[in-house]
Amino acid sequence: MKLKQIATINAGYPFRGKIPEVSDSSVIAVQMKDVSLAEGIRWSACQKTELTGKRPPDYLTTGDILVAARGNHNYAIPIDSALATTNKQAVAAPHFFVVRLKSQNEKKQGILPEFIAWLLNQIPAQRYFEQNAEGTLTKSIRRSVLEEAPIVVPPLAKQRTIVAMASTLREEQRLMQQLINNNELMMRTIARDLHLNRRH
């Protein structure tokens, strides 16, 4: 199966030039710097802006998936219910593709956006993007490449299991990183205290 069979894929909002910062706006733009595989979207870091392009905005909704069109890693991030807590309308910057599952697929076959995002982040899909990327310094993928991305959709129960396992793994990685950071801080504090004691 190809991704385009179960989803519509559009480019992010076409800002003209730099994304303007407008402090009292009710619209935010999700940019590359606001997103990471470990943390998802850092909504509090997203810039408030105004929509300067001619195209009417296609605001992001829960269940959409952002796929990085540029860079060495075309990661996919699902938009979860945290979007609602911002009380803002959000658009994706032009460097993203917005993947939206077709509603009849969700109902008929039962497809979880979190599962599709997970699948696109795995080695087979990443290898496919790598093989079809263009450019030398900054690599990018065309929309047609993403549309043709091969996907496998297991039964809903298996999707849920995989999504839960991936979520547990992410949480474990986050806790491990926190532990490492705490230990590094402790070592630095010990070293600093030794240095101070030597001077006294």
N, C-alpha and C. Protein backbone atom coordinates (compact mmCIF):
# COMPACT_ATOMS: atom_id res chain seq x y z
N MET A 1 0.84 -1.19 0.00
CA MET A 1 0.00 0.00 0.00
C MET A 1 0.88 1.25 0.00
N LYS A 2 0.40 2.30 -0.63
CA LYS A 2 1.13 3.58 -0.65
C LYS A 2 0.45 4.56 0.30
N LEU A 3 1.24 5.50 0.84
CA LEU A 3 0.70 6.46 1.80
C LEU A 3 -0.46 7.25 1.21
N LYS A 4 -0.36 7.62 -0.07
CA LYS A 4 -1.42 8.44 -0.69
C LYS A 4 -2.78 7.73 -0.74
N GLN A 5 -2.79 6.41 -0.59
CA GLN A 5 -4.05 5.67 -0.61
C GLN A 5 -4.85 5.88 0.68
N ILE A 6 -4.16 6.22 1.75
CA ILE A 6 -4.87 6.38 3.03
C ILE A 6 -4.83 7.81 3.56
N ALA A 7 -4.07 8.70 2.89
CA ALA A 7 -3.90 10.06 3.44
C ALA A 7 -3.79 11.10 2.34
N THR A 8 -4.15 12.33 2.68
CA THR A 8 -3.86 13.47 1.80
C THR A 8 -2.58 14.11 2.32
N ILE A 9 -1.78 14.63 1.41
CA ILE A 9 -0.48 15.20 1.79
C ILE A 9 -0.35 16.59 1.16
N ASN A 10 -0.11 17.58 2.00
CA ASN A 10 0.06 18.95 1.51
C ASN A 10 1.30 19.58 2.12
N ALA A 11 1.84 20.57 1.42
CA ALA A 11 2.98 21.30 1.96
C ALA A 11 2.49 22.22 3.07
N GLY A 12 3.41 22.62 3.95
CA GLY A 12 3.07 23.57 5.01
C GLY A 12 2.64 24.91 4.43
N TYR A 13 2.31 25.85 5.30
CA TYR A 13 1.81 27.15 4.84
C TYR A 13 2.90 27.94 4.11
N PRO A 14 2.58 28.49 2.91
CA PRO A 14 3.63 29.17 2.12
C PRO A 14 3.87 30.62 2.56
N PHE A 15 4.59 30.79 3.66
CA PHE A 15 4.96 32.15 4.07
C PHE A 15 5.85 32.76 3.00
N ARG A 16 5.70 34.05 2.80
CA ARG A 16 6.60 34.72 1.86
C ARG A 16 7.82 35.19 2.64
N GLY A 17 8.95 34.56 2.40
CA GLY A 17 10.17 34.93 3.13
C GLY A 17 10.12 34.50 4.58
N LYS A 18 10.71 35.33 5.44
CA LYS A 18 10.83 34.99 6.86
C LYS A 18 9.44 34.99 7.51
N ILE A 19 9.26 34.09 8.47
CA ILE A 19 7.98 34.02 9.18
C ILE A 19 7.91 35.20 10.16
N PRO A 20 6.93 36.12 9.97
CA PRO A 20 6.90 37.31 10.83
C PRO A 20 6.47 36.97 12.26
N GLU A 21 7.04 37.73 13.21
CA GLU A 21 6.66 37.53 14.61
C GLU A 21 5.62 38.59 14.99
N VAL A 22 4.45 38.15 15.42
CA VAL A 22 3.36 39.07 15.78
C VAL A 22 2.87 38.67 17.18
N SER A 23 3.26 39.46 18.19
CA SER A 23 3.09 39.02 19.58
C SER A 23 1.64 38.84 20.02
N ASP A 24 0.70 39.58 19.43
CA ASP A 24 -0.68 39.46 19.90
C ASP A 24 -1.55 38.60 18.97
N SER A 25 -0.91 37.79 18.13
CA SER A 25 -1.66 36.99 17.16
C SER A 25 -2.26 35.74 17.81
N SER A 26 -3.33 35.25 17.21
CA SER A 26 -3.96 34.00 17.70
C SER A 26 -3.52 32.80 16.86
N VAL A 27 -2.51 33.04 15.99
CA VAL A 27 -2.01 31.97 15.11
C VAL A 27 -0.54 31.70 15.44
N ILE A 28 -0.17 30.41 15.52
CA ILE A 28 1.23 30.07 15.73
C ILE A 28 1.74 29.22 14.55
N ALA A 29 3.04 29.31 14.31
CA ALA A 29 3.67 28.52 13.24
C ALA A 29 4.61 27.50 13.87
N VAL A 30 4.45 26.24 13.47
CA VAL A 30 5.35 25.18 13.94
C VAL A 30 6.53 25.12 12.98
N GLN A 31 7.74 25.38 13.50
CA GLN A 31 8.95 25.36 12.68
C GLN A 31 9.83 24.18 13.09
N MET A 32 10.87 23.94 12.29
CA MET A 32 11.77 22.81 12.56
C MET A 32 12.35 22.88 13.97
N LYS A 33 12.68 24.08 14.43
CA LYS A 33 13.31 24.24 15.75
C LYS A 33 12.38 23.87 16.91
N ASP A 34 11.07 23.83 16.63
CA ASP A 34 10.09 23.55 17.69
C ASP A 34 9.79 22.06 17.84
N VAL A 35 10.45 21.25 17.04
CA VAL A 35 10.05 19.84 16.95
C VAL A 35 11.25 18.93 17.19
N SER A 36 11.02 17.85 17.95
CA SER A 36 12.05 16.82 18.08
C SER A 36 11.38 15.46 18.23
N LEU A 37 12.09 14.43 17.81
CA LEU A 37 11.53 13.08 17.91
C LEU A 37 11.29 12.69 19.37
N ALA A 38 12.17 13.15 20.26
CA ALA A 38 12.05 12.77 21.66
C ALA A 38 10.89 13.48 22.35
N GLU A 39 10.73 14.77 22.04
CA GLU A 39 9.73 15.58 22.77
C GLU A 39 8.47 15.87 21.98
N GLY A 40 8.47 15.57 20.68
CA GLY A 40 7.32 15.96 19.86
C GLY A 40 7.38 17.45 19.57
N ILE A 41 6.23 18.12 19.64
CA ILE A 41 6.18 19.56 19.35
C ILE A 41 6.19 20.34 20.66
N ARG A 42 7.14 21.28 20.77
CA ARG A 42 7.19 22.15 21.95
C ARG A 42 6.30 23.36 21.65
N TRP A 43 5.03 23.22 21.97
CA TRP A 43 4.04 24.25 21.60
C TRP A 43 4.38 25.60 22.20
N SER A 44 4.93 25.60 23.43
CA SER A 44 5.22 26.89 24.09
C SER A 44 6.31 27.67 23.36
N ALA A 45 7.11 26.97 22.55
CA ALA A 45 8.21 27.63 21.83
C ALA A 45 7.77 28.16 20.46
N CYS A 46 6.58 27.76 20.01
CA CYS A 46 6.13 28.15 18.66
C CYS A 46 5.87 29.65 18.58
N GLN A 47 6.29 30.22 17.47
CA GLN A 47 6.19 31.67 17.27
C GLN A 47 4.79 32.09 16.85
N LYS A 48 4.29 33.17 17.50
CA LYS A 48 3.01 33.75 17.07
C LYS A 48 3.28 34.53 15.79
N THR A 49 2.36 34.45 14.87
CA THR A 49 2.63 35.03 13.56
C THR A 49 1.34 35.47 12.88
N GLU A 50 1.49 36.11 11.71
CA GLU A 50 0.31 36.36 10.88
C GLU A 50 0.54 35.73 9.52
N LEU A 51 -0.54 35.34 8.88
CA LEU A 51 -0.44 34.59 7.63
C LEU A 51 -0.39 35.57 6.45
N THR A 52 0.78 35.64 5.85
CA THR A 52 1.01 36.65 4.81
C THR A 52 0.79 36.13 3.39
N GLY A 53 0.72 34.82 3.25
CA GLY A 53 0.59 34.24 1.90
C GLY A 53 -0.83 34.41 1.36
N LYS A 54 -0.99 34.07 0.08
CA LYS A 54 -2.31 34.21 -0.55
C LYS A 54 -3.19 33.00 -0.28
N ARG A 55 -2.56 31.86 -0.02
CA ARG A 55 -3.33 30.63 0.15
C ARG A 55 -4.12 30.65 1.46
N PRO A 56 -5.40 30.25 1.44
CA PRO A 56 -6.12 30.17 2.72
C PRO A 56 -5.49 29.10 3.61
N PRO A 57 -5.38 29.37 4.91
CA PRO A 57 -4.67 28.43 5.79
C PRO A 57 -5.43 27.13 5.99
N ASP A 58 -4.68 26.06 6.06
CA ASP A 58 -5.24 24.76 6.41
C ASP A 58 -4.72 24.48 7.82
N TYR A 59 -5.48 24.90 8.82
CA TYR A 59 -4.99 24.81 10.19
C TYR A 59 -4.80 23.35 10.61
N LEU A 60 -3.78 23.15 11.44
CA LEU A 60 -3.46 21.80 11.92
C LEU A 60 -4.54 21.32 12.87
N THR A 61 -4.81 20.02 12.83
CA THR A 61 -5.77 19.43 13.77
C THR A 61 -5.14 18.19 14.40
N THR A 62 -5.68 17.80 15.55
CA THR A 62 -5.20 16.59 16.22
C THR A 62 -5.36 15.40 15.27
N GLY A 63 -4.30 14.60 15.13
CA GLY A 63 -4.35 13.47 14.21
C GLY A 63 -3.55 13.72 12.94
N ASP A 64 -3.23 15.01 12.66
CA ASP A 64 -2.34 15.30 11.53
C ASP A 64 -0.93 14.81 11.87
N ILE A 65 -0.14 14.59 10.84
CA ILE A 65 1.26 14.17 11.04
C ILE A 65 2.15 15.14 10.27
N LEU A 66 3.15 15.69 10.94
CA LEU A 66 4.12 16.56 10.26
C LEU A 66 5.31 15.72 9.84
N VAL A 67 5.70 15.86 8.58
CA VAL A 67 6.89 15.16 8.09
C VAL A 67 7.88 16.21 7.59
N ALA A 68 9.11 16.15 8.10
CA ALA A 68 10.14 17.12 7.70
C ALA A 68 10.52 16.87 6.24
N ALA A 69 10.35 17.89 5.42
CA ALA A 69 10.65 17.74 3.99
C ALA A 69 12.14 17.89 3.71
N ARG A 70 12.84 18.58 4.63
CA ARG A 70 14.27 18.84 4.41
C ARG A 70 15.11 18.24 5.53
N GLY A 71 16.40 18.09 5.23
CA GLY A 71 17.32 17.59 6.25
C GLY A 71 17.66 16.13 6.00
N ASN A 72 18.60 15.63 6.82
CA ASN A 72 19.08 14.25 6.63
C ASN A 72 18.15 13.22 7.24
N HIS A 73 17.17 13.69 8.02
CA HIS A 73 16.25 12.76 8.66
C HIS A 73 14.84 13.29 8.45
N ASN A 74 14.07 12.60 7.64
CA ASN A 74 12.70 13.05 7.36
C ASN A 74 11.75 12.48 8.40
N TYR A 75 11.89 13.01 9.63
CA TYR A 75 11.12 12.45 10.74
C TYR A 75 9.64 12.84 10.66
N ALA A 76 8.81 12.03 11.30
CA ALA A 76 7.36 12.27 11.33
C ALA A 76 6.93 12.47 12.77
N ILE A 77 6.12 13.50 13.01
CA ILE A 77 5.64 13.82 14.36
C ILE A 77 4.12 13.94 14.32
N PRO A 78 3.41 13.12 15.10
CA PRO A 78 1.95 13.25 15.12
C PRO A 78 1.52 14.44 15.98
N ILE A 79 0.43 15.09 15.59
CA ILE A 79 -0.11 16.20 16.38
C ILE A 79 -1.10 15.62 17.37
N ASP A 80 -0.79 15.77 18.66
CA ASP A 80 -1.68 15.17 19.66
C ASP A 80 -2.59 16.22 20.30
N SER A 81 -3.30 15.84 21.32
CA SER A 81 -4.31 16.71 21.93
C SER A 81 -3.70 17.93 22.63
N ALA A 82 -2.37 17.96 22.77
CA ALA A 82 -1.71 19.12 23.40
C ALA A 82 -1.95 20.40 22.59
N LEU A 83 -2.25 20.25 21.31
CA LEU A 83 -2.54 21.41 20.46
C LEU A 83 -3.68 22.24 21.06
N ALA A 84 -4.69 21.56 21.60
CA ALA A 84 -5.87 22.25 22.15
C ALA A 84 -5.49 23.14 23.33
N THR A 85 -4.45 22.76 24.08
CA THR A 85 -4.07 23.53 25.28
C THR A 85 -3.45 24.88 24.92
N THR A 86 -3.06 25.07 23.66
CA THR A 86 -2.44 26.35 23.27
C THR A 86 -3.49 27.45 23.09
N ASN A 87 -4.75 27.05 22.87
CA ASN A 87 -5.83 28.01 22.55
C ASN A 87 -5.48 28.87 21.34
N LYS A 88 -4.71 28.31 20.45
CA LYS A 88 -4.31 29.02 19.23
C LYS A 88 -4.61 28.14 18.02
N GLN A 89 -4.68 28.79 16.87
CA GLN A 89 -4.74 28.03 15.63
C GLN A 89 -3.30 27.90 15.13
N ALA A 90 -2.97 26.72 14.59
CA ALA A 90 -1.56 26.48 14.22
C ALA A 90 -1.44 26.10 12.76
N VAL A 91 -0.34 26.55 12.14
CA VAL A 91 0.00 26.11 10.79
C VAL A 91 1.42 25.55 10.83
N ALA A 92 1.73 24.72 9.84
CA ALA A 92 3.09 24.18 9.73
C ALA A 92 3.91 25.10 8.83
N ALA A 93 5.19 25.26 9.16
CA ALA A 93 6.09 26.03 8.31
C ALA A 93 6.27 25.30 6.97
N PRO A 94 6.75 25.99 5.93
CA PRO A 94 6.86 25.39 4.59
C PRO A 94 7.80 24.18 4.52
N HIS A 95 8.67 24.01 5.52
CA HIS A 95 9.62 22.89 5.48
C HIS A 95 8.99 21.56 5.88
N PHE A 96 7.71 21.60 6.21
CA PHE A 96 7.00 20.37 6.58
C PHE A 96 5.96 19.99 5.52
N PHE A 97 5.71 18.69 5.43
CA PHE A 97 4.50 18.21 4.77
C PHE A 97 3.50 17.89 5.87
N VAL A 98 2.23 18.13 5.58
CA VAL A 98 1.16 17.78 6.53
C VAL A 98 0.42 16.57 5.97
N VAL A 99 0.50 15.47 6.70
CA VAL A 99 -0.17 14.23 6.29
C VAL A 99 -1.46 14.11 7.10
N ARG A 100 -2.59 13.98 6.40
CA ARG A 100 -3.88 13.88 7.09
C ARG A 100 -4.59 12.61 6.61
N LEU A 101 -4.86 11.72 7.54
CA LEU A 101 -5.53 10.47 7.18
C LEU A 101 -6.92 10.75 6.63
N LYS A 102 -7.28 10.04 5.57
CA LYS A 102 -8.63 10.19 5.02
C LYS A 102 -9.62 9.57 6.01
N SER A 103 -10.70 10.28 6.28
CA SER A 103 -11.61 9.84 7.35
C SER A 103 -12.21 8.47 7.08
N GLN A 104 -12.47 8.15 5.80
CA GLN A 104 -13.07 6.83 5.54
C GLN A 104 -12.09 5.70 5.90
N ASN A 105 -10.79 5.96 5.78
CA ASN A 105 -9.80 4.95 6.15
C ASN A 105 -9.78 4.72 7.65
N GLU A 106 -9.86 5.83 8.39
CA GLU A 106 -9.84 5.72 9.85
C GLU A 106 -11.02 4.88 10.33
N LYS A 107 -12.19 5.13 9.71
CA LYS A 107 -13.39 4.41 10.16
C LYS A 107 -13.37 2.95 9.68
N LYS A 108 -13.08 2.78 8.38
CA LYS A 108 -13.16 1.43 7.79
C LYS A 108 -12.06 0.51 8.30
N GLN A 109 -10.84 0.96 8.10
CA GLN A 109 -9.71 0.07 8.42
C GLN A 109 -9.18 0.28 9.82
N GLY A 110 -9.51 1.41 10.42
CA GLY A 110 -8.97 1.71 11.73
C GLY A 110 -7.47 1.93 11.66
N ILE A 111 -7.07 3.16 11.32
CA ILE A 111 -5.64 3.48 11.21
C ILE A 111 -5.31 4.58 12.20
N LEU A 112 -4.33 4.32 13.06
CA LEU A 112 -3.92 5.31 14.06
C LEU A 112 -2.85 6.24 13.48
N PRO A 113 -3.06 7.57 13.57
CA PRO A 113 -2.03 8.50 13.09
C PRO A 113 -0.68 8.25 13.78
N GLU A 114 -0.73 7.92 15.10
CA GLU A 114 0.52 7.68 15.85
C GLU A 114 1.27 6.48 15.27
N PHE A 115 0.52 5.50 14.77
CA PHE A 115 1.16 4.32 14.18
C PHE A 115 1.84 4.70 12.86
N ILE A 116 1.12 5.47 12.03
CA ILE A 116 1.69 5.88 10.73
C ILE A 116 2.96 6.72 10.96
N ALA A 117 2.91 7.63 11.95
CA ALA A 117 4.10 8.43 12.28
C ALA A 117 5.25 7.52 12.70
N TRP A 118 4.96 6.55 13.55
CA TRP A 118 5.99 5.61 14.00
C TRP A 118 6.58 4.86 12.80
N LEU A 119 5.71 4.41 11.91
CA LEU A 119 6.14 3.63 10.74
C LEU A 119 7.08 4.45 9.85
N LEU A 120 6.73 5.73 9.65
CA LEU A 120 7.55 6.60 8.79
C LEU A 120 8.91 6.90 9.41
N ASN A 121 9.02 6.74 10.74
CA ASN A 121 10.30 6.99 11.41
C ASN A 121 11.21 5.76 11.45
N GLN A 122 10.70 4.61 11.00
CA GLN A 122 11.49 3.38 11.07
C GLN A 122 12.46 3.28 9.89
N ILE A 123 13.44 2.37 10.02
CA ILE A 123 14.53 2.27 9.04
C ILE A 123 14.04 2.05 7.59
N PRO A 124 13.07 1.14 7.32
CA PRO A 124 12.68 0.95 5.91
C PRO A 124 12.18 2.23 5.24
N ALA A 125 11.34 2.99 5.95
CA ALA A 125 10.82 4.24 5.37
C ALA A 125 11.94 5.28 5.25
N GLN A 126 12.79 5.37 6.27
CA GLN A 126 13.88 6.35 6.23
C GLN A 126 14.86 6.05 5.10
N ARG A 127 15.08 4.75 4.87
CA ARG A 127 15.97 4.36 3.77
C ARG A 127 15.36 4.75 2.42
N TYR A 128 14.05 4.55 2.32
CA TYR A 128 13.32 4.92 1.09
C TYR A 128 13.44 6.43 0.84
N PHE A 129 13.27 7.25 1.90
CA PHE A 129 13.40 8.71 1.74
C PHE A 129 14.82 9.09 1.33
N GLU A 130 15.79 8.43 1.96
CA GLU A 130 17.21 8.71 1.67
C GLU A 130 17.52 8.43 0.20
N GLN A 131 17.02 7.30 -0.29
CA GLN A 131 17.28 6.91 -1.68
C GLN A 131 16.62 7.85 -2.69
N ASN A 132 15.53 8.50 -2.28
CA ASN A 132 14.78 9.36 -3.20
C ASN A 132 14.94 10.86 -2.92
N ALA A 133 15.86 11.19 -1.99
CA ALA A 133 16.08 12.60 -1.66
C ALA A 133 16.84 13.30 -2.77
N GLU A 134 16.67 14.61 -2.85
CA GLU A 134 17.38 15.42 -3.86
C GLU A 134 18.21 16.48 -3.16
N GLY A 135 19.23 16.96 -3.86
CA GLY A 135 20.08 18.01 -3.29
C GLY A 135 21.37 17.44 -2.74
N THR A 136 22.39 18.27 -2.67
CA THR A 136 23.69 17.81 -2.18
C THR A 136 23.94 18.25 -0.75
N LEU A 137 23.92 19.58 -0.51
CA LEU A 137 24.17 20.06 0.86
C LEU A 137 22.96 19.82 1.73
N THR A 138 21.83 20.41 1.34
CA THR A 138 20.59 20.19 2.11
C THR A 138 19.70 19.26 1.30
N LYS A 139 19.48 18.10 1.84
CA LYS A 139 18.64 17.12 1.13
C LYS A 139 17.17 17.42 1.39
N SER A 140 16.34 17.13 0.39
CA SER A 140 14.90 17.32 0.57
C SER A 140 14.15 16.26 -0.23
N ILE A 141 12.91 16.00 0.18
CA ILE A 141 12.10 15.05 -0.57
C ILE A 141 10.89 15.77 -1.17
N ARG A 142 10.49 15.34 -2.34
CA ARG A 142 9.31 15.92 -2.99
C ARG A 142 8.05 15.32 -2.38
N ARG A 143 6.95 16.01 -2.62
CA ARG A 143 5.67 15.50 -2.13
C ARG A 143 5.35 14.15 -2.76
N SER A 144 5.66 14.00 -4.05
CA SER A 144 5.36 12.74 -4.75
C SER A 144 6.09 11.55 -4.11
N VAL A 145 7.31 11.81 -3.58
CA VAL A 145 8.08 10.75 -2.91
C VAL A 145 7.35 10.31 -1.65
N LEU A 146 6.87 11.29 -0.88
CA LEU A 146 6.15 10.95 0.35
C LEU A 146 4.83 10.23 0.02
N GLU A 147 4.16 10.69 -1.04
CA GLU A 147 2.89 10.05 -1.43
C GLU A 147 3.07 8.58 -1.79
N GLU A 148 4.23 8.28 -2.40
CA GLU A 148 4.50 6.91 -2.86
C GLU A 148 5.15 6.04 -1.77
N ALA A 149 5.36 6.61 -0.59
CA ALA A 149 6.02 5.84 0.48
C ALA A 149 5.24 4.56 0.77
N PRO A 150 5.92 3.40 0.74
CA PRO A 150 5.23 2.13 1.00
C PRO A 150 4.91 1.98 2.49
N ILE A 151 3.69 1.57 2.78
CA ILE A 151 3.30 1.38 4.19
C ILE A 151 2.57 0.05 4.36
N VAL A 152 2.62 -0.45 5.57
CA VAL A 152 1.93 -1.70 5.92
C VAL A 152 1.03 -1.36 7.11
N VAL A 153 -0.24 -1.73 7.02
CA VAL A 153 -1.17 -1.42 8.11
C VAL A 153 -1.67 -2.72 8.75
N PRO A 154 -1.14 -3.06 9.92
CA PRO A 154 -1.61 -4.26 10.62
C PRO A 154 -2.97 -4.01 11.28
N PRO A 155 -3.60 -5.02 11.86
CA PRO A 155 -4.87 -4.82 12.57
C PRO A 155 -4.72 -3.78 13.68
N LEU A 156 -5.84 -3.14 14.01
CA LEU A 156 -5.86 -2.05 14.98
C LEU A 156 -5.23 -2.44 16.32
N ALA A 157 -5.52 -3.64 16.81
CA ALA A 157 -4.98 -4.07 18.10
C ALA A 157 -3.45 -4.06 18.08
N LYS A 158 -2.88 -4.52 16.96
CA LYS A 158 -1.41 -4.56 16.84
C LYS A 158 -0.84 -3.14 16.75
N GLN A 159 -1.56 -2.27 16.03
CA GLN A 159 -1.13 -0.87 15.95
C GLN A 159 -1.05 -0.27 17.36
N ARG A 160 -2.11 -0.52 18.15
CA ARG A 160 -2.16 0.04 19.51
C ARG A 160 -0.99 -0.47 20.35
N THR A 161 -0.68 -1.76 20.22
CA THR A 161 0.42 -2.36 20.98
C THR A 161 1.74 -1.70 20.61
N ILE A 162 1.96 -1.52 19.29
CA ILE A 162 3.22 -0.91 18.82
C ILE A 162 3.34 0.53 19.31
N VAL A 163 2.24 1.29 19.21
CA VAL A 163 2.25 2.69 19.66
C VAL A 163 2.55 2.77 21.16
N ALA A 164 1.94 1.87 21.94
CA ALA A 164 2.17 1.86 23.40
C ALA A 164 3.62 1.52 23.71
N MET A 165 4.18 0.53 22.98
CA MET A 165 5.59 0.16 23.20
C MET A 165 6.52 1.32 22.86
N ALA A 166 6.23 1.99 21.75
CA ALA A 166 7.07 3.12 21.31
C ALA A 166 7.01 4.25 22.34
N SER A 167 5.82 4.46 22.90
CA SER A 167 5.63 5.51 23.91
C SER A 167 6.42 5.18 25.18
N THR A 168 6.38 3.91 25.60
CA THR A 168 7.13 3.47 26.78
C THR A 168 8.63 3.65 26.56
N LEU A 169 9.09 3.28 25.37
CA LEU A 169 10.51 3.41 25.04
C LEU A 169 10.96 4.87 25.09
N ARG A 170 10.13 5.76 24.53
CA ARG A 170 10.44 7.19 24.54
C ARG A 170 10.55 7.71 25.97
N GLU A 171 9.62 7.27 26.82
CA GLU A 171 9.62 7.71 28.22
C GLU A 171 10.87 7.19 28.94
N GLU A 172 11.25 5.93 28.67
CA GLU A 172 12.46 5.36 29.27
C GLU A 172 13.70 6.14 28.83
N GLN A 173 13.74 6.49 27.53
CA GLN A 173 14.89 7.25 27.02
C GLN A 173 14.97 8.62 27.68
N ARG A 174 13.78 9.23 27.88
CA ARG A 174 13.73 10.55 28.52
C ARG A 174 14.25 10.47 29.96
N LEU A 175 13.80 9.44 30.70
CA LEU A 175 14.23 9.27 32.09
C LEU A 175 15.73 8.97 32.18
N MET A 176 16.22 8.14 31.24
CA MET A 176 17.66 7.83 31.21
C MET A 176 18.48 9.10 30.98
N GLN A 177 18.01 9.92 30.05
CA GLN A 177 18.72 11.17 29.74
C GLN A 177 18.73 12.09 30.95
N GLN A 178 17.59 12.12 31.65
CA GLN A 178 17.49 12.95 32.86
C GLN A 178 18.48 12.46 33.92
N LEU A 179 18.57 11.15 34.05
CA LEU A 179 19.50 10.55 35.02
C LEU A 179 20.94 10.90 34.67
N ILE A 180 21.28 10.79 33.38
CA ILE A 180 22.64 11.13 32.91
C ILE A 180 22.94 12.60 33.22
N ASN A 181 21.97 13.48 32.89
CA ASN A 181 22.16 14.92 33.13
C ASN A 181 22.37 15.20 34.62
N ASN A 182 21.56 14.54 35.49
CA ASN A 182 21.69 14.74 36.94
C ASN A 182 23.05 14.29 37.44
N ASN A 183 23.51 13.13 36.93
CA ASN A 183 24.82 12.60 37.35
C ASN A 183 25.97 13.50 36.89
N GLU A 184 25.82 14.03 35.66
CA GLU A 184 26.87 14.95 35.15
C GLU A 184 26.93 16.21 36.02
N LEU A 185 25.75 16.69 36.39
CA LEU A 185 25.68 17.89 37.24
C LEU A 185 26.34 17.62 38.59
N MET A 186 26.07 16.44 39.14
CA MET A 186 26.65 16.06 40.43
C MET A 186 28.18 16.00 40.33
N MET A 187 28.70 15.40 39.24
CA MET A 187 30.15 15.31 39.04
C MET A 187 30.78 16.70 38.93
N ARG A 188 30.11 17.60 38.20
CA ARG A 188 30.62 18.96 38.04
C ARG A 188 30.66 19.68 39.40
N THR A 189 29.60 19.45 40.20
CA THR A 189 29.52 20.08 41.53
C THR A 189 30.65 19.58 42.42
N ILE A 190 30.91 18.26 42.39
CA ILE A 190 32.00 17.67 43.19
C ILE A 190 33.34 18.27 42.77
N ALA A 191 33.55 18.35 41.44
CA ALA A 191 34.82 18.90 40.93
C ALA A 191 34.99 20.35 41.35
N ARG A 192 33.89 21.11 41.28
CA ARG A 192 33.96 22.53 41.65
C ARG A 192 34.27 22.67 43.15
N ASP A 193 33.61 21.85 43.98
CA ASP A 193 33.85 21.89 45.44
C ASP A 193 35.30 21.55 45.76
N LEU A 194 35.85 20.54 45.08
CA LEU A 194 37.26 20.14 45.31
C LEU A 194 38.18 21.32 44.98
N HIS A 195 37.87 21.98 43.87
CA HIS A 195 38.68 23.09 43.41
C HIS A 195 38.61 24.23 44.42
N LEU A 196 37.40 24.52 44.92
CA LEU A 196 37.23 25.59 45.90
C LEU A 196 37.95 25.27 47.21
N ASN A 197 37.85 24.01 47.67
CA ASN A 197 38.48 23.60 48.93
C ASN A 197 40.00 23.70 48.85
N ARG A 198 40.52 23.43 47.64
CA ARG A 198 41.99 23.49 47.48
C ARG A 198 42.49 24.90 47.64
N ARG A 199 41.62 25.86 47.21
CA ARG A 199 42.05 27.26 47.27
C ARG A 199 42.00 27.78 48.70
N HIS A 200 41.13 27.20 49.55
CA HIS A 200 40.97 27.73 50.93
C HIS A 200 42.08 27.22 51.83
